[in-house]
Amino acid sequence: MRREIAFQIIKAAVASVVFSLIFVLAFAAIIQLFSVGAGAIKPVNQVFKIICLALGCIIFLRGDKGLLKGAVAGALYIVATYLIFGAIGGGLTFGWTTLAELAIGIFSGGVSGIIAVNVKKA
């Protein structure tokens, strides 16, 4: 049972990371095509992260304990994206914004997990 729960959490986090990479690539193309201002990038990326996390949780989390599963998936997702995008960007910086992003990820994951386990799967 624990193995199944861990597998659900890992699948949700990995799927969320994949969705994030796709969204970031699409947004980069939009920035190039339409000259989006630099001030819009951070808020749009935060919205993308919440959407990607919700998608990963809704697709892969099942059963019960949605809050816990979603919160853990959210934390894993934020840490993974922090490391991946830090490596792509050429450096990692740690500060209050990083902690705030982690808190948002845990909260968003928890809410998404609650929704995921309460929605009928087809």
PDB file of N, CA and C in Angstrom:
ATOM      1  N   MET A   1       0.820  -1.196   0.000  1.00  0.00           N
ATOM      2  CA  MET A   1       0.000   0.000   0.000  1.00  0.00           C
ATOM      3  C   MET A   1       0.862   1.258   0.000  1.00  0.00           C
ATOM      4  N   ARG A   2       1.883   1.274   0.847  1.00  0.00           N
ATOM      5  CA  ARG A   2       2.766   2.449   0.894  1.00  0.00           C
ATOM      6  C   ARG A   2       3.483   2.649  -0.437  1.00  0.00           C
ATOM      7  N   ARG A   3       3.853   1.553  -1.046  1.00  0.00           N
ATOM      8  CA  ARG A   3       4.551   1.631  -2.330  1.00  0.00           C
ATOM      9  C   ARG A   3       3.639   2.241  -3.392  1.00  0.00           C
ATOM     10  N   GLU A   4       2.371   1.852  -3.374  1.00  0.00           N
ATOM     11  CA  GLU A   4       1.408   2.403  -4.320  1.00  0.00           C
ATOM     12  C   GLU A   4       1.216   3.905  -4.105  1.00  0.00           C
ATOM     13  N   ILE A   5       1.143   4.318  -2.855  1.00  0.00           N
ATOM     14  CA  ILE A   5       0.991   5.747  -2.536  1.00  0.00           C
ATOM     15  C   ILE A   5       2.216   6.521  -3.013  1.00  0.00           C
ATOM     16  N   ALA A   6       3.403   5.996  -2.719  1.00  0.00           N
ATOM     17  CA  ALA A   6       4.634   6.662  -3.154  1.00  0.00           C
ATOM     18  C   ALA A   6       4.696   6.741  -4.671  1.00  0.00           C
ATOM     19  N   PHE A   7       4.278   5.678  -5.339  1.00  0.00           N
ATOM     20  CA  PHE A   7       4.301   5.664  -6.797  1.00  0.00           C
ATOM     21  C   PHE A   7       3.343   6.707  -7.366  1.00  0.00           C
ATOM     22  N   GLN A   8       2.152   6.855  -6.768  1.00  0.00           N
ATOM     23  CA  GLN A   8       1.203   7.878  -7.210  1.00  0.00           C
ATOM     24  C   GLN A   8       1.802   9.279  -7.055  1.00  0.00           C
ATOM     25  N   ILE A   9       2.436   9.513  -5.918  1.00  0.00           N
ATOM     26  CA  ILE A   9       3.018  10.829  -5.639  1.00  0.00           C
ATOM     27  C   ILE A   9       4.127  11.136  -6.634  1.00  0.00           C
ATOM     28  N   ILE A  10       4.994  10.171  -6.882  1.00  0.00           N
ATOM     29  CA  ILE A  10       6.105  10.379  -7.818  1.00  0.00           C
ATOM     30  C   ILE A  10       5.586  10.602  -9.227  1.00  0.00           C
ATOM     31  N   LYS A  11       4.598   9.824  -9.652  1.00  0.00           N
ATOM     32  CA  LYS A  11       4.029  10.011 -10.991  1.00  0.00           C
ATOM     33  C   LYS A  11       3.406  11.396 -11.128  1.00  0.00           C
ATOM     34  N   ALA A  12       2.699  11.842 -10.100  1.00  0.00           N
ATOM     35  CA  ALA A  12       2.076  13.173 -10.150  1.00  0.00           C
ATOM     36  C   ALA A  12       3.134  14.265 -10.250  1.00  0.00           C
ATOM     37  N   ALA A  13       4.202  14.150  -9.467  1.00  0.00           N
ATOM     38  CA  ALA A  13       5.267  15.160  -9.487  1.00  0.00           C
ATOM     39  C   ALA A  13       6.001  15.159 -10.831  1.00  0.00           C
ATOM     40  N   VAL A  14       6.321  13.987 -11.343  1.00  0.00           N
ATOM     41  CA  VAL A  14       7.038  13.893 -12.624  1.00  0.00           C
ATOM     42  C   VAL A  14       6.168  14.430 -13.765  1.00  0.00           C
ATOM     43  N   ALA A  15       4.894  14.060 -13.769  1.00  0.00           N
ATOM     44  CA  ALA A  15       3.993  14.571 -14.807  1.00  0.00           C
ATOM     45  C   ALA A  15       3.903  16.088 -14.738  1.00  0.00           C
ATOM     46  N   SER A  16       3.853  16.625 -13.532  1.00  0.00           N
ATOM     47  CA  SER A  16       3.794  18.083 -13.361  1.00  0.00           C
ATOM     48  C   SER A  16       5.041  18.755 -13.916  1.00  0.00           C
ATOM     49  N   VAL A  17       6.197  18.144 -13.697  1.00  0.00           N
ATOM     50  CA  VAL A  17       7.452  18.682 -14.234  1.00  0.00           C
ATOM     51  C   VAL A  17       7.420  18.661 -15.762  1.00  0.00           C
ATOM     52  N   VAL A  18       6.941  17.569 -16.340  1.00  0.00           N
ATOM     53  CA  VAL A  18       6.859  17.468 -17.808  1.00  0.00           C
ATOM     54  C   VAL A  18       5.903  18.530 -18.345  1.00  0.00           C
ATOM     55  N   PHE A  19       4.754  18.684 -17.706  1.00  0.00           N
ATOM     56  CA  PHE A  19       3.813  19.723 -18.133  1.00  0.00           C
ATOM     57  C   PHE A  19       4.466  21.107 -18.028  1.00  0.00           C
ATOM     58  N   SER A  20       5.239  21.341 -16.991  1.00  0.00           N
ATOM     59  CA  SER A  20       5.917  22.626 -16.818  1.00  0.00           C
ATOM     60  C   SER A  20       6.896  22.899 -17.941  1.00  0.00           C
ATOM     61  N   LEU A  21       7.665  21.895 -18.294  1.00  0.00           N
ATOM     62  CA  LEU A  21       8.627  22.068 -19.384  1.00  0.00           C
ATOM     63  C   LEU A  21       7.910  22.420 -20.684  1.00  0.00           C
ATOM     64  N   ILE A  22       6.787  21.766 -20.952  1.00  0.00           N
ATOM     65  CA  ILE A  22       6.005  22.054 -22.156  1.00  0.00           C
ATOM     66  C   ILE A  22       5.460  23.481 -22.103  1.00  0.00           C
ATOM     67  N   PHE A  23       4.883  23.869 -20.968  1.00  0.00           N
ATOM     68  CA  PHE A  23       4.343  25.226 -20.832  1.00  0.00           C
ATOM     69  C   PHE A  23       5.437  26.281 -20.971  1.00  0.00           C
ATOM     70  N   VAL A  24       6.591  26.043 -20.382  1.00  0.00           N
ATOM     71  CA  VAL A  24       7.685  27.014 -20.455  1.00  0.00           C
ATOM     72  C   VAL A  24       8.173  27.162 -21.895  1.00  0.00           C
ATOM     73  N   LEU A  25       8.288  26.062 -22.611  1.00  0.00           N
ATOM     74  CA  LEU A  25       8.698  26.144 -24.018  1.00  0.00           C
ATOM     75  C   LEU A  25       7.661  26.910 -24.845  1.00  0.00           C
ATOM     76  N   ALA A  26       6.386  26.645 -24.606  1.00  0.00           N
ATOM     77  CA  ALA A  26       5.334  27.356 -25.330  1.00  0.00           C
ATOM     78  C   ALA A  26       5.345  28.846 -24.980  1.00  0.00           C
ATOM     79  N   PHE A  27       5.530  29.151 -23.698  1.00  0.00           N
ATOM     80  CA  PHE A  27       5.558  30.550 -23.278  1.00  0.00           C
ATOM     81  C   PHE A  27       6.779  31.272 -23.841  1.00  0.00           C
ATOM     82  N   ALA A  28       7.904  30.576 -23.932  1.00  0.00           N
ATOM     83  CA  ALA A  28       9.103  31.175 -24.530  1.00  0.00           C
ATOM     84  C   ALA A  28       8.844  31.539 -25.993  1.00  0.00           C
ATOM     85  N   ALA A  29       8.129  30.676 -26.695  1.00  0.00           N
ATOM     86  CA  ALA A  29       7.790  30.972 -28.091  1.00  0.00           C
ATOM     87  C   ALA A  29       6.857  32.179 -28.175  1.00  0.00           C
ATOM     88  N   ILE A  30       5.902  32.251 -27.263  1.00  0.00           N
ATOM     89  CA  ILE A  30       4.976  33.390 -27.239  1.00  0.00           C
ATOM     90  C   ILE A  30       5.723  34.679 -26.940  1.00  0.00           C
ATOM     91  N   ILE A  31       6.682  34.625 -26.023  1.00  0.00           N
ATOM     92  CA  ILE A  31       7.481  35.807 -25.696  1.00  0.00           C
ATOM     93  C   ILE A  31       8.238  36.293 -26.926  1.00  0.00           C
ATOM     94  N   GLN A  32       8.809  35.350 -27.674  1.00  0.00           N
ATOM     95  CA  GLN A  32       9.560  35.714 -28.873  1.00  0.00           C
ATOM     96  C   GLN A  32       8.660  36.302 -29.963  1.00  0.00           C
ATOM     97  N   LEU A  33       7.469  35.738 -30.101  1.00  0.00           N
ATOM     98  CA  LEU A  33       6.566  36.182 -31.162  1.00  0.00           C
ATOM     99  C   LEU A  33       5.883  37.515 -30.860  1.00  0.00           C
ATOM    100  N   PHE A  34       5.526  37.738 -29.601  1.00  0.00           N
ATOM    101  CA  PHE A  34       4.682  38.883 -29.269  1.00  0.00           C
ATOM    102  C   PHE A  34       5.327  39.912 -28.353  1.00  0.00           C
ATOM    103  N   SER A  35       6.598  39.806 -28.076  1.00  0.00           N
ATOM    104  CA  SER A  35       7.314  40.774 -27.247  1.00  0.00           C
ATOM    105  C   SER A  35       6.617  41.029 -25.909  1.00  0.00           C
ATOM    106  N   VAL A  36       6.415  39.977 -25.160  1.00  0.00           N
ATOM    107  CA  VAL A  36       5.789  40.083 -23.847  1.00  0.00           C
ATOM    108  C   VAL A  36       6.764  40.781 -22.906  1.00  0.00           C
ATOM    109  N   GLY A  37       6.262  41.681 -22.086  1.00  0.00           N
ATOM    110  CA  GLY A  37       7.101  42.430 -21.159  1.00  0.00           C
ATOM    111  C   GLY A  37       7.699  41.532 -20.086  1.00  0.00           C
ATOM    112  N   ALA A  38       8.838  41.932 -19.577  1.00  0.00           N
ATOM    113  CA  ALA A  38       9.545  41.147 -18.559  1.00  0.00           C
ATOM    114  C   ALA A  38       8.765  41.046 -17.258  1.00  0.00           C
ATOM    115  N   GLY A  39       7.935  42.020 -16.972  1.00  0.00           N
ATOM    116  CA  GLY A  39       7.145  41.999 -15.743  1.00  0.00           C
ATOM    117  C   GLY A  39       6.081  40.921 -15.721  1.00  0.00           C
ATOM    118  N   ALA A  40       5.717  40.409 -16.878  1.00  0.00           N
ATOM    119  CA  ALA A  40       4.666  39.385 -16.958  1.00  0.00           C
ATOM    120  C   ALA A  40       5.220  37.971 -16.782  1.00  0.00           C
ATOM    121  N   ILE A  41       6.509  37.818 -16.895  1.00  0.00           N
ATOM    122  CA  ILE A  41       7.091  36.472 -16.914  1.00  0.00           C
ATOM    123  C   ILE A  41       6.922  35.745 -15.586  1.00  0.00           C
ATOM    124  N   LYS A  42       7.285  36.367 -14.481  1.00  0.00           N
ATOM    125  CA  LYS A  42       7.191  35.687 -13.174  1.00  0.00           C
ATOM    126  C   LYS A  42       5.758  35.319 -12.804  1.00  0.00           C
ATOM    127  N   PRO A  43       4.796  36.237 -12.908  1.00  0.00           N
ATOM    128  CA  PRO A  43       3.418  35.847 -12.563  1.00  0.00           C
ATOM    129  C   PRO A  43       2.869  34.729 -13.454  1.00  0.00           C
ATOM    130  N   VAL A  44       3.175  34.799 -14.742  1.00  0.00           N
ATOM    131  CA  VAL A  44       2.702  33.762 -15.661  1.00  0.00           C
ATOM    132  C   VAL A  44       3.344  32.424 -15.302  1.00  0.00           C
ATOM    133  N   ASN A  45       4.618  32.418 -14.968  1.00  0.00           N
ATOM    134  CA  ASN A  45       5.282  31.175 -14.573  1.00  0.00           C
ATOM    135  C   ASN A  45       4.667  30.594 -13.305  1.00  0.00           C
ATOM    136  N   GLN A  46       4.285  31.430 -12.353  1.00  0.00           N
ATOM    137  CA  GLN A  46       3.649  30.930 -11.128  1.00  0.00           C
ATOM    138  C   GLN A  46       2.297  30.296 -11.443  1.00  0.00           C
ATOM    139  N   VAL A  47       1.535  30.934 -12.311  1.00  0.00           N
ATOM    140  CA  VAL A  47       0.242  30.378 -12.705  1.00  0.00           C
ATOM    141  C   VAL A  47       0.452  29.046 -13.421  1.00  0.00           C
ATOM    142  N   PHE A  48       1.446  28.995 -14.312  1.00  0.00           N
ATOM    143  CA  PHE A  48       1.763  27.738 -15.008  1.00  0.00           C
ATOM    144  C   PHE A  48       2.108  26.638 -14.008  1.00  0.00           C
ATOM    145  N   LYS A  49       2.894  26.967 -12.996  1.00  0.00           N
ATOM    146  CA  LYS A  49       3.285  25.954 -12.009  1.00  0.00           C
ATOM    147  C   LYS A  49       2.069  25.404 -11.274  1.00  0.00           C
ATOM    148  N   ILE A  50       1.149  26.273 -10.899  1.00  0.00           N
ATOM    149  CA  ILE A  50      -0.054  25.825 -10.202  1.00  0.00           C
ATOM    150  C   ILE A  50      -0.904  24.944 -11.115  1.00  0.00           C
ATOM    151  N   ILE A  51      -1.055  25.352 -12.365  1.00  0.00           N
ATOM    152  CA  ILE A  51      -1.839  24.571 -13.325  1.00  0.00           C
ATOM    153  C   ILE A  51      -1.188  23.209 -13.573  1.00  0.00           C
ATOM    154  N   CYS A  52       0.118  23.192 -13.771  1.00  0.00           N
ATOM    155  CA  CYS A  52       0.827  21.937 -14.034  1.00  0.00           C
ATOM    156  C   CYS A  52       0.741  20.989 -12.847  1.00  0.00           C
ATOM    157  N   LEU A  53       0.869  21.516 -11.654  1.00  0.00           N
ATOM    158  CA  LEU A  53       0.754  20.701 -10.452  1.00  0.00           C
ATOM    159  C   LEU A  53      -0.658  20.138 -10.322  1.00  0.00           C
ATOM    160  N   ALA A  54      -1.645  20.958 -10.590  1.00  0.00           N
ATOM    161  CA  ALA A  54      -3.035  20.488 -10.526  1.00  0.00           C
ATOM    162  C   ALA A  54      -3.275  19.373 -11.547  1.00  0.00           C
ATOM    163  N   LEU A  55      -2.767  19.546 -12.751  1.00  0.00           N
ATOM    164  CA  LEU A  55      -2.930  18.509 -13.778  1.00  0.00           C
ATOM    165  C   LEU A  55      -2.286  17.198 -13.347  1.00  0.00           C
ATOM    166  N   GLY A  56      -1.060  17.262 -12.860  1.00  0.00           N
ATOM    167  CA  GLY A  56      -0.366  16.051 -12.426  1.00  0.00           C
ATOM    168  C   GLY A  56      -1.111  15.348 -11.306  1.00  0.00           C
ATOM    169  N   CYS A  57      -1.611  16.104 -10.334  1.00  0.00           N
ATOM    170  CA  CYS A  57      -2.343  15.512  -9.207  1.00  0.00           C
ATOM    171  C   CYS A  57      -3.666  14.914  -9.659  1.00  0.00           C
ATOM    172  N   ILE A  58      -4.406  15.637 -10.474  1.00  0.00           N
ATOM    173  CA  ILE A  58      -5.717  15.162 -10.901  1.00  0.00           C
ATOM    174  C   ILE A  58      -5.594  13.907 -11.760  1.00  0.00           C
ATOM    175  N   ILE A  59      -4.554  13.826 -12.552  1.00  0.00           N
ATOM    176  CA  ILE A  59      -4.387  12.653 -13.413  1.00  0.00           C
ATOM    177  C   ILE A  59      -3.929  11.431 -12.617  1.00  0.00           C
ATOM    178  N   PHE A  60      -3.019  11.597 -11.663  1.00  0.00           N
ATOM    179  CA  PHE A  60      -2.370  10.436 -11.062  1.00  0.00           C
ATOM    180  C   PHE A  60      -2.733  10.108  -9.619  1.00  0.00           C
ATOM    181  N   LEU A  61      -3.338  11.017  -8.883  1.00  0.00           N
ATOM    182  CA  LEU A  61      -3.664  10.693  -7.493  1.00  0.00           C
ATOM    183  C   LEU A  61      -5.043  10.065  -7.401  1.00  0.00           C
ATOM    184  N   ARG A  62      -5.118   8.957  -6.644  1.00  0.00           N
ATOM    185  CA  ARG A  62      -6.363   8.223  -6.472  1.00  0.00           C
ATOM    186  C   ARG A  62      -6.479   7.754  -5.022  1.00  0.00           C
ATOM    187  N   GLY A  63      -7.652   7.272  -4.672  1.00  0.00           N
ATOM    188  CA  GLY A  63      -7.839   6.683  -3.355  1.00  0.00           C
ATOM    189  C   GLY A  63      -8.210   7.713  -2.310  1.00  0.00           C
ATOM    190  N   ASP A  64      -7.480   7.689  -1.205  1.00  0.00           N
ATOM    191  CA  ASP A  64      -7.744   8.622  -0.115  1.00  0.00           C
ATOM    192  C   ASP A  64      -6.473   9.387   0.228  1.00  0.00           C
ATOM    193  N   LYS A  65      -6.502  10.168   1.282  1.00  0.00           N
ATOM    194  CA  LYS A  65      -5.375  10.988   1.732  1.00  0.00           C
ATOM    195  C   LYS A  65      -4.902  11.973   0.659  1.00  0.00           C
ATOM    196  N   GLY A  66      -5.862  12.581  -0.002  1.00  0.00           N
ATOM    197  CA  GLY A  66      -5.539  13.505  -1.082  1.00  0.00           C
ATOM    198  C   GLY A  66      -4.727  14.700  -0.636  1.00  0.00           C
ATOM    199  N   LEU A  67      -5.049  15.239   0.535  1.00  0.00           N
ATOM    200  CA  LEU A  67      -4.314  16.396   1.035  1.00  0.00           C
ATOM    201  C   LEU A  67      -2.836  16.061   1.225  1.00  0.00           C
ATOM    202  N   LEU A  68      -2.568  14.954   1.872  1.00  0.00           N
ATOM    203  CA  LEU A  68      -1.185  14.547   2.130  1.00  0.00           C
ATOM    204  C   LEU A  68      -0.451  14.207   0.835  1.00  0.00           C
ATOM    205  N   LYS A  69      -1.072  13.408  -0.006  1.00  0.00           N
ATOM    206  CA  LYS A  69      -0.439  13.026  -1.272  1.00  0.00           C
ATOM    207  C   LYS A  69      -0.148  14.259  -2.130  1.00  0.00           C
ATOM    208  N   GLY A  70      -1.131  15.146  -2.229  1.00  0.00           N
ATOM    209  CA  GLY A  70      -0.963  16.343  -3.039  1.00  0.00           C
ATOM    210  C   GLY A  70       0.098  17.280  -2.493  1.00  0.00           C
ATOM    211  N   ALA A  71       0.135  17.432  -1.167  1.00  0.00           N
ATOM    212  CA  ALA A  71       1.134  18.315  -0.553  1.00  0.00           C
ATOM    213  C   ALA A  71       2.549  17.783  -0.790  1.00  0.00           C
ATOM    214  N   VAL A  72       2.720  16.478  -0.643  1.00  0.00           N
ATOM    215  CA  VAL A  72       4.044  15.886  -0.878  1.00  0.00           C
ATOM    216  C   VAL A  72       4.412  15.989  -2.353  1.00  0.00           C
ATOM    217  N   ALA A  73       3.457  15.708  -3.242  1.00  0.00           N
ATOM    218  CA  ALA A  73       3.717  15.847  -4.678  1.00  0.00           C
ATOM    219  C   ALA A  73       4.076  17.299  -5.008  1.00  0.00           C
ATOM    220  N   GLY A  74       3.391  18.255  -4.389  1.00  0.00           N
ATOM    221  CA  GLY A  74       3.683  19.668  -4.620  1.00  0.00           C
ATOM    222  C   GLY A  74       5.082  20.042  -4.175  1.00  0.00           C
ATOM    223  N   ALA A  75       5.492  19.545  -3.008  1.00  0.00           N
ATOM    224  CA  ALA A  75       6.848  19.826  -2.511  1.00  0.00           C
ATOM    225  C   ALA A  75       7.896  19.215  -3.439  1.00  0.00           C
ATOM    226  N   LEU A  76       7.690  17.961  -3.842  1.00  0.00           N
ATOM    227  CA  LEU A  76       8.637  17.315  -4.764  1.00  0.00           C
ATOM    228  C   LEU A  76       8.713  18.062  -6.085  1.00  0.00           C
ATOM    229  N   TYR A  77       7.561  18.476  -6.583  1.00  0.00           N
ATOM    230  CA  TYR A  77       7.503  19.197  -7.849  1.00  0.00           C
ATOM    231  C   TYR A  77       8.269  20.518  -7.780  1.00  0.00           C
ATOM    232  N   ILE A  78       8.067  21.275  -6.711  1.00  0.00           N
ATOM    233  CA  ILE A  78       8.751  22.564  -6.582  1.00  0.00           C
ATOM    234  C   ILE A  78      10.259  22.365  -6.475  1.00  0.00           C
ATOM    235  N   VAL A  79      10.686  21.395  -5.681  1.00  0.00           N
ATOM    236  CA  VAL A  79      12.121  21.120  -5.553  1.00  0.00           C
ATOM    237  C   VAL A  79      12.704  20.691  -6.897  1.00  0.00           C
ATOM    238  N   ALA A  80      11.990  19.812  -7.609  1.00  0.00           N
ATOM    239  CA  ALA A  80      12.482  19.336  -8.908  1.00  0.00           C
ATOM    240  C   ALA A  80      12.582  20.478  -9.917  1.00  0.00           C
ATOM    241  N   THR A  81      11.539  21.313 -10.005  1.00  0.00           N
ATOM    242  CA  THR A  81      11.593  22.418 -10.963  1.00  0.00           C
ATOM    243  C   THR A  81      12.644  23.446 -10.572  1.00  0.00           C
ATOM    244  N   TYR A  82      12.816  23.659  -9.272  1.00  0.00           N
ATOM    245  CA  TYR A  82      13.855  24.574  -8.791  1.00  0.00           C
ATOM    246  C   TYR A  82      15.227  24.100  -9.270  1.00  0.00           C
ATOM    247  N   LEU A  83      15.493  22.821  -9.116  1.00  0.00           N
ATOM    248  CA  LEU A  83      16.787  22.268  -9.530  1.00  0.00           C
ATOM    249  C   LEU A  83      16.947  22.252 -11.050  1.00  0.00           C
ATOM    250  N   ILE A  84      15.909  21.845 -11.758  1.00  0.00           N
ATOM    251  CA  ILE A  84      15.987  21.761 -13.228  1.00  0.00           C
ATOM    252  C   ILE A  84      16.152  23.144 -13.846  1.00  0.00           C
ATOM    253  N   PHE A  85      15.279  24.077 -13.464  1.00  0.00           N
ATOM    254  CA  PHE A  85      15.356  25.411 -14.066  1.00  0.00           C
ATOM    255  C   PHE A  85      16.583  26.174 -13.574  1.00  0.00           C
ATOM    256  N   GLY A  86      17.056  25.866 -12.378  1.00  0.00           N
ATOM    257  CA  GLY A  86      18.305  26.455 -11.905  1.00  0.00           C
ATOM    258  C   GLY A  86      19.480  25.970 -12.726  1.00  0.00           C
ATOM    259  N   ALA A  87      19.478  24.685 -13.052  1.00  0.00           N
ATOM    260  CA  ALA A  87      20.549  24.133 -13.891  1.00  0.00           C
ATOM    261  C   ALA A  87      20.488  24.701 -15.305  1.00  0.00           C
ATOM    262  N   ILE A  88      19.291  24.852 -15.831  1.00  0.00           N
ATOM    263  CA  ILE A  88      19.133  25.425 -17.172  1.00  0.00           C
ATOM    264  C   ILE A  88      19.554  26.887 -17.177  1.00  0.00           C
ATOM    265  N   GLY A  89      19.168  27.604 -16.136  1.00  0.00           N
ATOM    266  CA  GLY A  89      19.468  29.034 -16.048  1.00  0.00           C
ATOM    267  C   GLY A  89      20.893  29.345 -15.644  1.00  0.00           C
ATOM    268  N   GLY A  90      21.621  28.351 -15.190  1.00  0.00           N
ATOM    269  CA  GLY A  90      23.023  28.552 -14.867  1.00  0.00           C
ATOM    270  C   GLY A  90      23.299  28.914 -13.415  1.00  0.00           C
ATOM    271  N   GLY A  91      22.338  28.759 -12.527  1.00  0.00           N
ATOM    272  CA  GLY A  91      22.618  29.052 -11.126  1.00  0.00           C
ATOM    273  C   GLY A  91      21.392  28.909 -10.249  1.00  0.00           C
ATOM    274  N   LEU A  92      21.656  28.615  -8.991  1.00  0.00           N
ATOM    275  CA  LEU A  92      20.581  28.481  -8.019  1.00  0.00           C
ATOM    276  C   LEU A  92      20.713  29.587  -6.979  1.00  0.00           C
ATOM    277  N   THR A  93      19.605  30.244  -6.702  1.00  0.00           N
ATOM    278  CA  THR A  93      19.588  31.237  -5.642  1.00  0.00           C
ATOM    279  C   THR A  93      18.514  30.829  -4.650  1.00  0.00           C
ATOM    280  N   PHE A  94      18.819  30.988  -3.383  1.00  0.00           N
ATOM    281  CA  PHE A  94      17.871  30.604  -2.344  1.00  0.00           C
ATOM    282  C   PHE A  94      17.530  31.825  -1.516  1.00  0.00           C
ATOM    283  N   GLY A  95      16.232  32.046  -1.323  1.00  0.00           N
ATOM    284  CA  GLY A  95      15.793  33.190  -0.535  1.00  0.00           C
ATOM    285  C   GLY A  95      14.351  33.026  -0.116  1.00  0.00           C
ATOM    286  N   TRP A  96      13.753  34.120   0.317  1.00  0.00           N
ATOM    287  CA  TRP A  96      12.364  34.094   0.761  1.00  0.00           C
ATOM    288  C   TRP A  96      11.427  33.715  -0.362  1.00  0.00           C
ATOM    289  N   THR A  97      11.733  34.116  -1.572  1.00  0.00           N
ATOM    290  CA  THR A  97      10.858  33.774  -2.694  1.00  0.00           C
ATOM    291  C   THR A  97      10.852  32.263  -2.937  1.00  0.00           C
ATOM    292  N   THR A  98      11.984  31.638  -2.704  1.00  0.00           N
ATOM    293  CA  THR A  98      12.060  30.182  -2.852  1.00  0.00           C
ATOM    294  C   THR A  98      11.172  29.500  -1.813  1.00  0.00           C
ATOM    295  N   LEU A  99      11.231  29.975  -0.585  1.00  0.00           N
ATOM    296  CA  LEU A  99      10.379  29.418   0.468  1.00  0.00           C
ATOM    297  C   LEU A  99       8.902  29.696   0.198  1.00  0.00           C
ATOM    298  N   ALA A 100       8.599  30.877  -0.317  1.00  0.00           N
ATOM    299  CA  ALA A 100       7.211  31.205  -0.653  1.00  0.00           C
ATOM    300  C   ALA A 100       6.706  30.304  -1.773  1.00  0.00           C
ATOM    301  N   GLU A 101       7.564  30.059  -2.748  1.00  0.00           N
ATOM    302  CA  GLU A 101       7.192  29.172  -3.852  1.00  0.00           C
ATOM    303  C   GLU A 101       6.948  27.749  -3.354  1.00  0.00           C
ATOM    304  N   LEU A 102       7.772  27.297  -2.417  1.00  0.00           N
ATOM    305  CA  LEU A 102       7.588  25.974  -1.829  1.00  0.00           C
ATOM    306  C   LEU A 102       6.256  25.911  -1.079  1.00  0.00           C
ATOM    307  N   ALA A 103       5.943  26.954  -0.328  1.00  0.00           N
ATOM    308  CA  ALA A 103       4.667  27.001   0.402  1.00  0.00           C
ATOM    309  C   ALA A 103       3.480  26.993  -0.559  1.00  0.00           C
ATOM    310  N   ILE A 104       3.584  27.751  -1.627  1.00  0.00           N
ATOM    311  CA  ILE A 104       2.516  27.777  -2.634  1.00  0.00           C
ATOM    312  C   ILE A 104       2.371  26.403  -3.272  1.00  0.00           C
ATOM    313  N   GLY A 105       3.489  25.738  -3.551  1.00  0.00           N
ATOM    314  CA  GLY A 105       3.453  24.399  -4.141  1.00  0.00           C
ATOM    315  C   GLY A 105       2.801  23.380  -3.220  1.00  0.00           C
ATOM    316  N   ILE A 106       3.143  23.442  -1.939  1.00  0.00           N
ATOM    317  CA  ILE A 106       2.552  22.520  -0.970  1.00  0.00           C
ATOM    318  C   ILE A 106       1.051  22.776  -0.851  1.00  0.00           C
ATOM    319  N   PHE A 107       0.665  24.044  -0.758  1.00  0.00           N
ATOM    320  CA  PHE A 107      -0.751  24.396  -0.650  1.00  0.00           C
ATOM    321  C   PHE A 107      -1.513  23.987  -1.910  1.00  0.00           C
ATOM    322  N   SER A 108      -0.987  24.350  -3.080  1.00  0.00           N
ATOM    323  CA  SER A 108      -1.651  24.024  -4.350  1.00  0.00           C
ATOM    324  C   SER A 108      -1.746  22.516  -4.545  1.00  0.00           C
ATOM    325  N   GLY A 109      -0.690  21.814  -4.185  1.00  0.00           N
ATOM    326  CA  GLY A 109      -0.707  20.360  -4.287  1.00  0.00           C
ATOM    327  C   GLY A 109      -1.740  19.742  -3.363  1.00  0.00           C
ATOM    328  N   GLY A 110      -1.825  20.268  -2.144  1.00  0.00           N
ATOM    329  CA  GLY A 110      -2.817  19.758  -1.195  1.00  0.00           C
ATOM    330  C   GLY A 110      -4.238  19.942  -1.706  1.00  0.00           C
ATOM    331  N   VAL A 111      -4.539  21.131  -2.198  1.00  0.00           N
ATOM    332  CA  VAL A 111      -5.870  21.410  -2.742  1.00  0.00           C
ATOM    333  C   VAL A 111      -6.132  20.530  -3.970  1.00  0.00           C
ATOM    334  N   SER A 112      -5.144  20.420  -4.843  1.00  0.00           N
ATOM    335  CA  SER A 112      -5.294  19.581  -6.040  1.00  0.00           C
ATOM    336  C   SER A 112      -5.475  18.116  -5.664  1.00  0.00           C
ATOM    337  N   GLY A 113      -4.765  17.673  -4.636  1.00  0.00           N
ATOM    338  CA  GLY A 113      -4.902  16.293  -4.171  1.00  0.00           C
ATOM    339  C   GLY A 113      -6.294  16.021  -3.626  1.00  0.00           C
ATOM    340  N   ILE A 114      -6.837  16.970  -2.880  1.00  0.00           N
ATOM    341  CA  ILE A 114      -8.204  16.820  -2.363  1.00  0.00           C
ATOM    342  C   ILE A 114      -9.189  16.699  -3.524  1.00  0.00           C
ATOM    343  N   ILE A 115      -9.033  17.560  -4.516  1.00  0.00           N
ATOM    344  CA  ILE A 115      -9.907  17.515  -5.693  1.00  0.00           C
ATOM    345  C   ILE A 115      -9.723  16.191  -6.423  1.00  0.00           C
ATOM    346  N   ALA A 116      -8.474  15.767  -6.593  1.00  0.00           N
ATOM    347  CA  ALA A 116      -8.173  14.562  -7.361  1.00  0.00           C
ATOM    348  C   ALA A 116      -8.805  13.308  -6.774  1.00  0.00           C
ATOM    349  N   VAL A 117      -8.734  13.147  -5.464  1.00  0.00           N
ATOM    350  CA  VAL A 117      -9.281  11.922  -4.867  1.00  0.00           C
ATOM    351  C   VAL A 117     -10.803  11.950  -4.748  1.00  0.00           C
ATOM    352  N   ASN A 118     -11.400  13.122  -4.939  1.00  0.00           N
ATOM    353  CA  ASN A 118     -12.848  13.226  -4.835  1.00  0.00           C
ATOM    354  C   ASN A 118     -13.557  13.308  -6.182  1.00  0.00           C
ATOM    355  N   VAL A 119     -12.804  13.327  -7.269  1.00  0.00           N
ATOM    356  CA  VAL A 119     -13.373  13.365  -8.602  1.00  0.00           C
ATOM    357  C   VAL A 119     -13.449  11.928  -9.124  1.00  0.00           C
ATOM    358  N   LYS A 120     -14.573  11.573  -9.713  1.00  0.00           N
ATOM    359  CA  LYS A 120     -14.728  10.236 -10.282  1.00  0.00           C
ATOM    360  C   LYS A 120     -13.804  10.091 -11.481  1.00  0.00           C
ATOM    361  N   LYS A 121     -13.031   9.026 -11.499  1.00  0.00           N
ATOM    362  CA  LYS A 121     -12.145   8.754 -12.632  1.00  0.00           C
ATOM    363  C   LYS A 121     -12.884   7.892 -13.647  1.00  0.00           C
ATOM    364  N   ALA A 122     -12.687   8.189 -14.911  1.00  0.00           N
ATOM    365  CA  ALA A 122     -13.348   7.417 -15.959  1.00  0.00           C
ATOM    366  C   ALA A 122     -12.602   6.144 -16.260  1.00  0.00           C
TER     367      ALA A 122
END
